[in-house]
């Protein structure tokens, strides 16, 4: 568990760590870079660097949080990575099911495996399921997500490295847009962002603009049209069971 600087969540929870690259959005993976740092610091959880690993002990953590949290699940991994056993994914879902006082935001680039397995899980109201879509080539991830039983569905269009006109946002609840950051980020055009914001507005989908990115993401900020966009789906919480 860790407090998060990610604008659309409060904290991170990593019952799995490690990943492998599957598309262009992975090119400058922040989690891979962070994993190396944590390994160098001697953090036991990252002793194998970015190899895919499951962490049984981390499954206990959400039960200890005293106040309701908005939680990004696996900021350092992908829950639907092919090396993560179905039985362990089921354990993660059980934890989320048994903690309805928290919102759990799960994000994957492996939308096909998500769809293949989605009927194996109980999709309680507090599990928000999203897919990353960085460019036109991977738009099919949206269709796989749409077919799942997730109650709240969202798209993370970050790092946005190409325009995404004519998105099919049917049954989507939330869209996040962000540019790439780091030492050699690929540029994001303002016209791409404005087009997506307009698409969301037309169909009444919550729009969240995370950042412009770039080498100095703090300086570049996160204003669009002279304002910030922090829209989110309505959060429905229940008491713990």
Foldseek 3Di string as FASTA:
>chain_A
DAADPQPQFGEEAEQKAAEDDDDPLCPPPPLLVVLVVCCVVVPPNSVVRRHIDGHPVSLCPVVPDPAETEYEYPSRYALQGPVHDPVVSQSNLVSCVQFLSYAYEHEHQPLVSCLVCQVVHDQDQRYEYEYEDQEDVSLVSVVSQQPHPHQAYEYENPCNQYADAPRDCVPHAEYEYEHEADDDGRADDLVRVVRVVVVCVVVVHQYFYRFRHYDCGVVRGGDHPNHGRNGDGDRDGDHGD
